[in-house]
Amino acid sequence: MHKSELSVVDLSTIEEPIEGTAYLVEERRPRQSIALCEKYLAEGANLMIISRDPPQKLIEGTSISPRKTIWLTNLPGTDRLDPTSIGLLMGEIRKFVEDSKKKAVILIDGLEFLISVNTYDRMLQFVNQVRDIAVTTGSIVIIPFDMRTLNEREQALLERNLQVIQTPISNDGDQIIQISSEDGIRT
């Protein structure tokens, strides 16, 4: 589906997320992704936050209380992980999903950073594996991402297996949101 064919809907009108789906939220800062997490947490989901910034800084000023956080950094410490340790990160995601008694929601903020310290191909494989985990377990994955960091080919490959949510700024400055997938548009 071509991006110009997408309809635009307000964030507040988005229905219950589709279980077993990985969302790619096209935004510069994860504001809309955080808002989606707040909505899903209100419905009783367990949340895992993986972030380039300290996760507590990311959710400051929100009602979000994640069950698990991972800060992607080279600094040693609790709930921190070297950003080049993709196998360990995948293991943490699998463990979180398996241990969740409720619906699991995974927010992966900082994919641009992970691409810069690993390779694009390695991170594309990681994203596809995380998507497969979501599909097979009924989990929800939310990946905020600034598409300006990729070329056209890389964008197409990244968007291929993810449900894309675009968040352009409207004429009056409000954030608006639109969702697309290969199957069509969901509001």
N, C-alpha and C. Protein backbone atom coordinates (compact mmCIF):
# COMPACT_ATOMS: atom_id res chain seq x y z
N MET A 1 0.85 -1.17 0.00
CA MET A 1 0.00 0.00 0.00
C MET A 1 0.89 1.23 0.00
N HIS A 2 0.58 2.17 -0.83
CA HIS A 2 1.34 3.41 -0.93
C HIS A 2 0.95 4.32 0.22
N LYS A 3 1.93 5.03 0.80
CA LYS A 3 1.67 5.87 1.95
C LYS A 3 0.61 6.93 1.70
N SER A 4 0.52 7.44 0.49
CA SER A 4 -0.47 8.48 0.20
C SER A 4 -1.89 7.94 0.26
N GLU A 5 -2.08 6.63 0.26
CA GLU A 5 -3.41 6.03 0.32
C GLU A 5 -3.89 5.84 1.76
N LEU A 6 -3.06 6.18 2.74
CA LEU A 6 -3.43 5.97 4.13
C LEU A 6 -4.47 6.98 4.58
N SER A 7 -5.39 6.52 5.42
CA SER A 7 -6.31 7.47 6.03
C SER A 7 -5.70 7.96 7.34
N VAL A 8 -6.19 9.06 7.83
CA VAL A 8 -5.65 9.65 9.04
C VAL A 8 -6.71 9.57 10.13
N VAL A 9 -6.33 9.07 11.30
CA VAL A 9 -7.24 9.00 12.43
C VAL A 9 -6.55 9.58 13.65
N ASP A 10 -7.34 10.08 14.57
CA ASP A 10 -6.83 10.61 15.83
C ASP A 10 -6.40 9.44 16.71
N LEU A 11 -5.34 9.63 17.48
CA LEU A 11 -4.81 8.58 18.35
C LEU A 11 -5.88 8.04 19.28
N SER A 12 -6.74 8.90 19.79
CA SER A 12 -7.76 8.47 20.76
C SER A 12 -8.80 7.55 20.15
N THR A 13 -8.87 7.48 18.82
CA THR A 13 -9.88 6.63 18.18
C THR A 13 -9.35 5.24 17.83
N ILE A 14 -8.08 4.98 18.13
CA ILE A 14 -7.53 3.66 17.82
C ILE A 14 -8.17 2.62 18.73
N GLU A 15 -8.63 1.55 18.11
CA GLU A 15 -9.27 0.48 18.84
C GLU A 15 -8.23 -0.32 19.62
N GLU A 16 -8.69 -1.34 20.30
CA GLU A 16 -7.83 -2.29 20.99
C GLU A 16 -6.75 -2.76 20.02
N PRO A 17 -5.51 -2.82 20.48
CA PRO A 17 -4.45 -3.30 19.57
C PRO A 17 -4.71 -4.74 19.16
N ILE A 18 -4.23 -5.07 18.02
CA ILE A 18 -4.39 -6.43 17.53
C ILE A 18 -3.30 -7.28 18.17
N GLU A 19 -3.71 -8.29 18.92
CA GLU A 19 -2.73 -9.17 19.54
C GLU A 19 -1.93 -9.88 18.46
N GLY A 20 -0.65 -10.11 18.75
CA GLY A 20 0.21 -10.77 17.79
C GLY A 20 0.69 -9.85 16.70
N THR A 21 0.77 -8.55 17.01
CA THR A 21 1.16 -7.56 16.01
C THR A 21 2.36 -6.76 16.48
N ALA A 22 3.24 -6.45 15.54
CA ALA A 22 4.37 -5.55 15.80
C ALA A 22 4.09 -4.26 15.05
N TYR A 23 4.07 -3.15 15.79
CA TYR A 23 3.79 -1.84 15.23
C TYR A 23 5.08 -1.04 15.07
N LEU A 24 5.24 -0.40 13.93
CA LEU A 24 6.33 0.53 13.68
C LEU A 24 5.71 1.93 13.69
N VAL A 25 6.00 2.69 14.73
CA VAL A 25 5.43 4.02 14.88
C VAL A 25 6.44 5.03 14.35
N GLU A 26 6.11 5.65 13.24
CA GLU A 26 7.03 6.59 12.61
C GLU A 26 6.92 7.94 13.31
N GLU A 27 7.88 8.20 14.19
CA GLU A 27 7.91 9.45 14.94
C GLU A 27 9.34 9.75 15.39
N ARG A 28 9.62 11.02 15.62
CA ARG A 28 10.97 11.43 16.02
C ARG A 28 11.22 11.16 17.49
N ARG A 29 10.25 11.40 18.31
CA ARG A 29 10.31 11.11 19.75
C ARG A 29 9.16 10.16 20.06
N PRO A 30 9.30 9.27 21.03
CA PRO A 30 8.29 8.23 21.25
C PRO A 30 7.02 8.67 21.97
N ARG A 31 6.55 9.87 21.73
CA ARG A 31 5.37 10.37 22.44
C ARG A 31 4.12 9.54 22.16
N GLN A 32 3.86 9.27 20.89
CA GLN A 32 2.67 8.49 20.54
C GLN A 32 2.81 7.04 21.00
N SER A 33 4.02 6.52 20.94
CA SER A 33 4.26 5.15 21.40
C SER A 33 4.00 5.03 22.90
N ILE A 34 4.44 6.03 23.65
CA ILE A 34 4.19 6.05 25.10
C ILE A 34 2.68 6.13 25.36
N ALA A 35 1.98 6.96 24.59
CA ALA A 35 0.53 7.07 24.74
C ALA A 35 -0.16 5.74 24.47
N LEU A 36 0.31 5.02 23.45
CA LEU A 36 -0.25 3.69 23.17
C LEU A 36 0.02 2.74 24.33
N CYS A 37 1.22 2.78 24.89
CA CYS A 37 1.55 1.92 26.04
C CYS A 37 0.64 2.23 27.22
N GLU A 38 0.40 3.51 27.48
CA GLU A 38 -0.50 3.90 28.58
C GLU A 38 -1.88 3.30 28.37
N LYS A 39 -2.36 3.34 27.14
CA LYS A 39 -3.68 2.81 26.82
C LYS A 39 -3.72 1.30 27.09
N TYR A 40 -2.70 0.57 26.65
CA TYR A 40 -2.68 -0.88 26.81
C TYR A 40 -2.49 -1.28 28.27
N LEU A 41 -1.69 -0.51 29.01
CA LEU A 41 -1.52 -0.79 30.43
C LEU A 41 -2.82 -0.61 31.19
N ALA A 42 -3.60 0.37 30.81
CA ALA A 42 -4.89 0.60 31.45
C ALA A 42 -5.82 -0.59 31.25
N GLU A 43 -5.55 -1.37 30.22
CA GLU A 43 -6.35 -2.57 29.94
C GLU A 43 -5.75 -3.82 30.57
N GLY A 44 -4.70 -3.66 31.40
CA GLY A 44 -4.16 -4.76 32.17
C GLY A 44 -2.96 -5.49 31.60
N ALA A 45 -2.31 -4.94 30.62
CA ALA A 45 -1.14 -5.61 30.01
C ALA A 45 0.11 -5.44 30.87
N ASN A 46 1.07 -6.33 30.69
CA ASN A 46 2.40 -6.20 31.27
C ASN A 46 3.28 -5.51 30.24
N LEU A 47 4.10 -4.56 30.70
CA LEU A 47 4.93 -3.78 29.79
C LEU A 47 6.41 -3.99 30.05
N MET A 48 7.15 -4.16 28.96
CA MET A 48 8.61 -4.18 28.98
C MET A 48 9.07 -3.00 28.14
N ILE A 49 9.99 -2.19 28.69
CA ILE A 49 10.55 -1.07 27.95
C ILE A 49 12.03 -1.31 27.72
N ILE A 50 12.43 -1.27 26.46
CA ILE A 50 13.83 -1.34 26.06
C ILE A 50 14.13 0.01 25.44
N SER A 51 15.15 0.70 25.96
CA SER A 51 15.37 2.07 25.52
C SER A 51 16.83 2.47 25.49
N ARG A 52 17.18 3.33 24.56
CA ARG A 52 18.52 3.92 24.50
C ARG A 52 18.72 4.90 25.65
N ASP A 53 17.66 5.61 26.01
CA ASP A 53 17.69 6.51 27.16
C ASP A 53 17.29 5.72 28.40
N PRO A 54 17.67 6.19 29.59
CA PRO A 54 17.20 5.50 30.79
C PRO A 54 15.67 5.41 30.75
N PRO A 55 15.10 4.21 30.87
CA PRO A 55 13.65 4.06 30.75
C PRO A 55 12.84 4.96 31.68
N GLN A 56 13.35 5.20 32.89
CA GLN A 56 12.60 6.06 33.81
C GLN A 56 12.50 7.49 33.28
N LYS A 57 13.52 7.93 32.56
CA LYS A 57 13.48 9.26 31.94
C LYS A 57 12.45 9.29 30.82
N LEU A 58 12.36 8.19 30.09
CA LEU A 58 11.44 8.08 28.96
C LEU A 58 9.98 8.20 29.41
N ILE A 59 9.66 7.63 30.57
CA ILE A 59 8.26 7.60 31.02
C ILE A 59 7.96 8.63 32.10
N GLU A 60 8.91 9.50 32.37
CA GLU A 60 8.72 10.55 33.37
C GLU A 60 7.49 11.38 33.02
N GLY A 61 6.65 11.61 34.02
CA GLY A 61 5.45 12.41 33.80
C GLY A 61 4.28 11.63 33.24
N THR A 62 4.41 10.31 33.15
CA THR A 62 3.31 9.47 32.67
C THR A 62 2.83 8.56 33.80
N SER A 63 1.78 7.84 33.55
CA SER A 63 1.27 6.88 34.53
C SER A 63 1.84 5.48 34.31
N ILE A 64 2.81 5.37 33.43
CA ILE A 64 3.35 4.06 33.07
C ILE A 64 4.20 3.47 34.18
N SER A 65 3.94 2.20 34.47
CA SER A 65 4.72 1.45 35.45
C SER A 65 5.09 0.10 34.81
N PRO A 66 6.23 0.06 34.12
CA PRO A 66 6.60 -1.18 33.42
C PRO A 66 7.00 -2.29 34.39
N ARG A 67 6.75 -3.52 33.97
CA ARG A 67 7.16 -4.67 34.77
C ARG A 67 8.65 -4.93 34.62
N LYS A 68 9.20 -4.60 33.44
CA LYS A 68 10.62 -4.84 33.15
C LYS A 68 11.15 -3.70 32.31
N THR A 69 12.37 -3.24 32.62
CA THR A 69 13.02 -2.22 31.81
C THR A 69 14.44 -2.66 31.49
N ILE A 70 14.91 -2.25 30.32
CA ILE A 70 16.30 -2.48 29.92
C ILE A 70 16.82 -1.20 29.30
N TRP A 71 17.93 -0.72 29.86
CA TRP A 71 18.58 0.46 29.32
C TRP A 71 19.73 -0.02 28.45
N LEU A 72 19.73 0.35 27.18
CA LEU A 72 20.78 -0.03 26.23
C LEU A 72 21.98 0.90 26.40
N THR A 73 22.98 0.42 27.12
CA THR A 73 24.15 1.24 27.43
C THR A 73 25.35 0.34 27.69
N ASN A 74 26.53 0.90 27.53
CA ASN A 74 27.76 0.17 27.87
C ASN A 74 28.09 0.26 29.35
N LEU A 75 27.39 1.10 30.09
CA LEU A 75 27.63 1.25 31.52
C LEU A 75 27.09 0.04 32.26
N PRO A 76 27.88 -0.53 33.17
CA PRO A 76 27.40 -1.69 33.92
C PRO A 76 26.32 -1.28 34.93
N GLY A 77 25.46 -2.22 35.27
CA GLY A 77 24.44 -1.96 36.27
C GLY A 77 23.22 -2.83 36.06
N THR A 78 22.32 -2.73 37.02
CA THR A 78 21.08 -3.49 36.99
C THR A 78 20.19 -3.00 35.86
N ASP A 79 19.54 -3.94 35.19
CA ASP A 79 18.61 -3.64 34.10
C ASP A 79 19.26 -2.84 32.97
N ARG A 80 20.54 -3.09 32.74
CA ARG A 80 21.28 -2.46 31.64
C ARG A 80 21.85 -3.57 30.77
N LEU A 81 21.96 -3.28 29.48
CA LEU A 81 22.47 -4.29 28.55
C LEU A 81 23.29 -3.61 27.47
N ASP A 82 24.43 -4.22 27.16
CA ASP A 82 25.29 -3.72 26.08
C ASP A 82 24.49 -3.77 24.78
N PRO A 83 24.44 -2.67 24.04
CA PRO A 83 23.62 -2.63 22.82
C PRO A 83 24.09 -3.55 21.70
N THR A 84 25.30 -4.11 21.82
CA THR A 84 25.75 -5.06 20.80
C THR A 84 25.41 -6.50 21.18
N SER A 85 24.85 -6.70 22.37
CA SER A 85 24.49 -8.05 22.84
C SER A 85 23.06 -8.39 22.42
N ILE A 86 22.86 -8.51 21.13
CA ILE A 86 21.52 -8.73 20.58
C ILE A 86 20.95 -10.08 21.00
N GLY A 87 21.80 -11.10 21.09
CA GLY A 87 21.33 -12.41 21.53
C GLY A 87 20.79 -12.35 22.96
N LEU A 88 21.49 -11.64 23.84
CA LEU A 88 21.02 -11.49 25.22
C LEU A 88 19.72 -10.69 25.26
N LEU A 89 19.63 -9.66 24.44
CA LEU A 89 18.41 -8.86 24.39
C LEU A 89 17.23 -9.71 23.93
N MET A 90 17.44 -10.52 22.92
CA MET A 90 16.38 -11.41 22.44
C MET A 90 15.96 -12.39 23.55
N GLY A 91 16.93 -12.89 24.29
CA GLY A 91 16.63 -13.78 25.41
C GLY A 91 15.78 -13.09 26.47
N GLU A 92 16.08 -11.83 26.77
CA GLU A 92 15.30 -11.07 27.75
C GLU A 92 13.86 -10.88 27.27
N ILE A 93 13.70 -10.62 25.99
CA ILE A 93 12.35 -10.44 25.43
C ILE A 93 11.57 -11.75 25.52
N ARG A 94 12.20 -12.85 25.11
CA ARG A 94 11.53 -14.16 25.18
C ARG A 94 11.11 -14.50 26.61
N LYS A 95 12.03 -14.28 27.55
CA LYS A 95 11.75 -14.58 28.97
C LYS A 95 10.58 -13.73 29.47
N PHE A 96 10.57 -12.45 29.14
CA PHE A 96 9.49 -11.57 29.57
C PHE A 96 8.15 -12.06 29.04
N VAL A 97 8.10 -12.39 27.77
CA VAL A 97 6.85 -12.85 27.16
C VAL A 97 6.40 -14.16 27.79
N GLU A 98 7.33 -15.09 27.98
CA GLU A 98 6.99 -16.39 28.58
C GLU A 98 6.51 -16.24 30.01
N ASP A 99 7.10 -15.31 30.77
CA ASP A 99 6.74 -15.13 32.18
C ASP A 99 5.49 -14.30 32.39
N SER A 100 5.03 -13.60 31.37
CA SER A 100 3.85 -12.74 31.50
C SER A 100 2.60 -13.59 31.60
N LYS A 101 1.86 -13.35 32.65
CA LYS A 101 0.59 -14.06 32.84
C LYS A 101 -0.53 -13.34 32.07
N LYS A 102 -0.29 -12.06 31.79
CA LYS A 102 -1.25 -11.25 31.04
C LYS A 102 -0.68 -10.99 29.66
N LYS A 103 -1.39 -10.18 28.89
CA LYS A 103 -0.90 -9.78 27.58
C LYS A 103 0.42 -9.03 27.76
N ALA A 104 1.41 -9.35 26.94
CA ALA A 104 2.72 -8.69 27.01
C ALA A 104 2.81 -7.61 25.94
N VAL A 105 3.27 -6.42 26.35
CA VAL A 105 3.52 -5.32 25.44
C VAL A 105 4.99 -4.96 25.57
N ILE A 106 5.69 -4.89 24.45
CA ILE A 106 7.12 -4.60 24.44
C ILE A 106 7.35 -3.32 23.65
N LEU A 107 7.92 -2.31 24.31
CA LEU A 107 8.27 -1.05 23.66
C LEU A 107 9.78 -1.07 23.41
N ILE A 108 10.18 -0.97 22.16
CA ILE A 108 11.60 -0.94 21.80
C ILE A 108 11.91 0.44 21.26
N ASP A 109 12.45 1.31 22.12
CA ASP A 109 12.83 2.67 21.72
C ASP A 109 14.34 2.72 21.53
N GLY A 110 14.78 3.24 20.41
CA GLY A 110 16.22 3.33 20.15
C GLY A 110 16.72 2.38 19.09
N LEU A 111 15.82 1.92 18.22
CA LEU A 111 16.25 1.03 17.14
C LEU A 111 17.27 1.73 16.25
N GLU A 112 17.14 3.04 16.08
CA GLU A 112 18.12 3.79 15.28
C GLU A 112 19.52 3.63 15.88
N PHE A 113 19.60 3.71 17.21
CA PHE A 113 20.88 3.54 17.91
C PHE A 113 21.40 2.12 17.72
N LEU A 114 20.52 1.14 17.87
CA LEU A 114 20.94 -0.26 17.69
C LEU A 114 21.48 -0.49 16.29
N ILE A 115 20.86 0.11 15.29
CA ILE A 115 21.36 -0.01 13.92
C ILE A 115 22.74 0.61 13.80
N SER A 116 22.98 1.72 14.48
CA SER A 116 24.27 2.41 14.37
C SER A 116 25.42 1.64 15.03
N VAL A 117 25.14 0.85 16.06
CA VAL A 117 26.21 0.11 16.75
C VAL A 117 26.29 -1.35 16.32
N ASN A 118 25.31 -1.80 15.57
CA ASN A 118 25.33 -3.14 15.00
C ASN A 118 25.35 -2.94 13.48
N THR A 119 24.64 -3.73 12.74
CA THR A 119 24.47 -3.48 11.31
C THR A 119 22.98 -3.43 11.02
N TYR A 120 22.63 -2.81 9.91
CA TYR A 120 21.22 -2.75 9.54
C TYR A 120 20.66 -4.16 9.36
N ASP A 121 21.38 -5.02 8.64
CA ASP A 121 20.89 -6.38 8.38
C ASP A 121 20.68 -7.16 9.67
N ARG A 122 21.59 -7.02 10.60
CA ARG A 122 21.46 -7.72 11.89
C ARG A 122 20.23 -7.23 12.64
N MET A 123 20.00 -5.92 12.61
CA MET A 123 18.85 -5.37 13.32
C MET A 123 17.53 -5.67 12.61
N LEU A 124 17.55 -5.77 11.30
CA LEU A 124 16.36 -6.18 10.57
C LEU A 124 15.99 -7.61 10.97
N GLN A 125 16.99 -8.46 11.07
CA GLN A 125 16.76 -9.84 11.52
C GLN A 125 16.19 -9.84 12.94
N PHE A 126 16.73 -9.00 13.82
CA PHE A 126 16.24 -8.88 15.20
C PHE A 126 14.76 -8.46 15.20
N VAL A 127 14.43 -7.43 14.44
CA VAL A 127 13.04 -6.94 14.38
C VAL A 127 12.12 -8.04 13.88
N ASN A 128 12.54 -8.77 12.87
CA ASN A 128 11.71 -9.87 12.35
C ASN A 128 11.53 -10.98 13.37
N GLN A 129 12.57 -11.27 14.16
CA GLN A 129 12.45 -12.28 15.21
C GLN A 129 11.50 -11.82 16.32
N VAL A 130 11.59 -10.54 16.69
CA VAL A 130 10.69 -10.00 17.71
C VAL A 130 9.25 -10.05 17.20
N ARG A 131 9.06 -9.72 15.93
CA ARG A 131 7.73 -9.81 15.33
C ARG A 131 7.20 -11.24 15.38
N ASP A 132 8.06 -12.21 15.08
CA ASP A 132 7.65 -13.61 15.13
C ASP A 132 7.25 -14.02 16.54
N ILE A 133 7.95 -13.52 17.54
CA ILE A 133 7.58 -13.78 18.93
C ILE A 133 6.19 -13.21 19.20
N ALA A 134 5.94 -11.99 18.75
CA ALA A 134 4.62 -11.37 18.94
C ALA A 134 3.53 -12.20 18.28
N VAL A 135 3.77 -12.61 17.04
CA VAL A 135 2.77 -13.38 16.29
C VAL A 135 2.45 -14.70 16.98
N THR A 136 3.47 -15.40 17.45
CA THR A 136 3.26 -16.73 18.03
C THR A 136 2.76 -16.71 19.47
N THR A 137 2.89 -15.57 20.16
CA THR A 137 2.47 -15.51 21.56
C THR A 137 1.29 -14.57 21.80
N GLY A 138 0.87 -13.85 20.78
CA GLY A 138 -0.22 -12.89 20.96
C GLY A 138 0.23 -11.61 21.65
N SER A 139 1.52 -11.37 21.69
CA SER A 139 2.06 -10.16 22.31
C SER A 139 1.94 -8.98 21.35
N ILE A 140 2.20 -7.79 21.88
CA ILE A 140 2.18 -6.57 21.08
C ILE A 140 3.55 -5.92 21.19
N VAL A 141 4.13 -5.55 20.05
CA VAL A 141 5.42 -4.87 20.02
C VAL A 141 5.21 -3.48 19.43
N ILE A 142 5.78 -2.48 20.09
CA ILE A 142 5.69 -1.10 19.62
C ILE A 142 7.11 -0.59 19.44
N ILE A 143 7.43 -0.18 18.20
CA ILE A 143 8.77 0.30 17.89
C ILE A 143 8.67 1.72 17.33
N PRO A 144 8.93 2.75 18.16
CA PRO A 144 9.00 4.10 17.61
C PRO A 144 10.26 4.23 16.77
N PHE A 145 10.16 4.93 15.64
CA PHE A 145 11.32 4.99 14.75
C PHE A 145 11.28 6.23 13.88
N ASP A 146 12.42 6.88 13.74
CA ASP A 146 12.56 8.04 12.86
C ASP A 146 13.02 7.55 11.50
N MET A 147 12.11 7.50 10.54
CA MET A 147 12.40 6.93 9.22
C MET A 147 13.42 7.74 8.43
N ARG A 148 13.70 8.97 8.84
CA ARG A 148 14.70 9.78 8.14
C ARG A 148 16.09 9.17 8.24
N THR A 149 16.29 8.22 9.15
CA THR A 149 17.61 7.62 9.34
C THR A 149 17.92 6.51 8.35
N LEU A 150 16.94 6.12 7.53
CA LEU A 150 17.13 5.02 6.58
C LEU A 150 16.95 5.49 5.15
N ASN A 151 17.57 4.76 4.23
CA ASN A 151 17.31 5.02 2.82
C ASN A 151 16.00 4.32 2.43
N GLU A 152 15.55 4.55 1.22
CA GLU A 152 14.25 4.03 0.77
C GLU A 152 14.17 2.50 0.81
N ARG A 153 15.22 1.84 0.38
CA ARG A 153 15.25 0.37 0.38
C ARG A 153 15.15 -0.17 1.81
N GLU A 154 15.93 0.42 2.72
CA GLU A 154 15.92 -0.02 4.11
C GLU A 154 14.55 0.22 4.75
N GLN A 155 13.93 1.34 4.42
CA GLN A 155 12.59 1.62 4.94
C GLN A 155 11.60 0.56 4.49
N ALA A 156 11.65 0.21 3.21
CA ALA A 156 10.73 -0.78 2.66
C ALA A 156 10.91 -2.13 3.35
N LEU A 157 12.15 -2.54 3.56
CA LEU A 157 12.41 -3.82 4.22
C LEU A 157 11.91 -3.80 5.67
N LEU A 158 12.13 -2.70 6.36
CA LEU A 158 11.69 -2.59 7.75
C LEU A 158 10.17 -2.61 7.86
N GLU A 159 9.50 -1.92 6.96
CA GLU A 159 8.04 -1.82 7.00
C GLU A 159 7.33 -3.09 6.54
N ARG A 160 8.04 -3.96 5.83
CA ARG A 160 7.41 -5.11 5.18
C ARG A 160 6.58 -5.98 6.11
N ASN A 161 7.08 -6.35 7.28
CA ASN A 161 6.38 -7.27 8.17
C ASN A 161 5.81 -6.60 9.41
N LEU A 162 5.79 -5.28 9.41
CA LEU A 162 5.28 -4.55 10.57
C LEU A 162 4.04 -3.76 10.18
N GLN A 163 3.18 -3.54 11.15
CA GLN A 163 2.04 -2.65 10.92
C GLN A 163 2.54 -1.23 11.17
N VAL A 164 2.44 -0.39 10.16
CA VAL A 164 3.01 0.96 10.23
C VAL A 164 1.99 1.95 10.77
N ILE A 165 2.43 2.76 11.72
CA ILE A 165 1.63 3.87 12.23
C ILE A 165 2.43 5.13 11.93
N GLN A 166 1.86 6.01 11.12
CA GLN A 166 2.53 7.27 10.83
C GLN A 166 1.94 8.36 11.71
N THR A 167 2.79 9.25 12.20
CA THR A 167 2.32 10.31 13.09
C THR A 167 2.79 11.68 12.60
N PRO A 168 2.24 12.15 11.47
CA PRO A 168 2.62 13.48 10.99
C PRO A 168 1.98 14.57 11.86
N ILE A 169 2.48 15.76 11.72
CA ILE A 169 1.91 16.91 12.42
C ILE A 169 0.86 17.54 11.50
N SER A 170 -0.33 17.78 12.05
CA SER A 170 -1.39 18.39 11.26
C SER A 170 -1.13 19.89 11.12
N ASN A 171 -1.95 20.56 10.32
CA ASN A 171 -1.79 22.00 10.09
C ASN A 171 -1.90 22.82 11.37
N ASP A 172 -2.71 22.35 12.33
CA ASP A 172 -2.87 23.11 13.56
C ASP A 172 -1.89 22.69 14.64
N GLY A 173 -0.92 21.84 14.30
CA GLY A 173 0.12 21.47 15.25
C GLY A 173 -0.18 20.24 16.09
N ASP A 174 -1.40 19.68 15.99
CA ASP A 174 -1.73 18.49 16.77
C ASP A 174 -1.14 17.25 16.12
N GLN A 175 -0.73 16.27 16.94
CA GLN A 175 -0.28 14.99 16.41
C GLN A 175 -1.51 14.25 15.90
N ILE A 176 -1.39 13.66 14.74
CA ILE A 176 -2.42 12.78 14.22
C ILE A 176 -1.77 11.45 13.90
N ILE A 177 -2.57 10.43 13.77
CA ILE A 177 -2.00 9.10 13.61
C ILE A 177 -2.73 8.36 12.50
N GLN A 178 -1.99 7.57 11.74
CA GLN A 178 -2.59 6.74 10.70
C GLN A 178 -1.90 5.39 10.72
N ILE A 179 -2.67 4.35 10.48
CA ILE A 179 -2.17 2.99 10.56
C ILE A 179 -2.36 2.31 9.22
N SER A 180 -1.34 1.56 8.78
CA SER A 180 -1.48 0.82 7.54
C SER A 180 -0.89 -0.56 7.70
N SER A 181 -1.32 -1.46 6.86
CA SER A 181 -0.74 -2.79 6.77
C SER A 181 -0.96 -3.27 5.35
N GLU A 182 -0.39 -4.40 5.01
CA GLU A 182 -0.58 -4.92 3.66
C GLU A 182 -2.04 -5.27 3.41
N ASP A 183 -2.79 -5.57 4.49
CA ASP A 183 -4.19 -5.96 4.35
C ASP A 183 -5.13 -4.77 4.23
N GLY A 184 -4.64 -3.58 4.51
CA GLY A 184 -5.50 -2.41 4.43
C GLY A 184 -5.29 -1.48 5.60
N ILE A 185 -6.26 -0.64 5.82
CA ILE A 185 -6.15 0.40 6.83
C ILE A 185 -7.01 0.04 8.02
N ARG A 186 -6.50 0.28 9.20
CA ARG A 186 -7.25 0.04 10.43
C ARG A 186 -7.32 1.35 11.19
N THR A 187 -8.50 1.68 11.69
CA THR A 187 -8.66 2.89 12.49
C THR A 187 -9.05 2.52 13.89
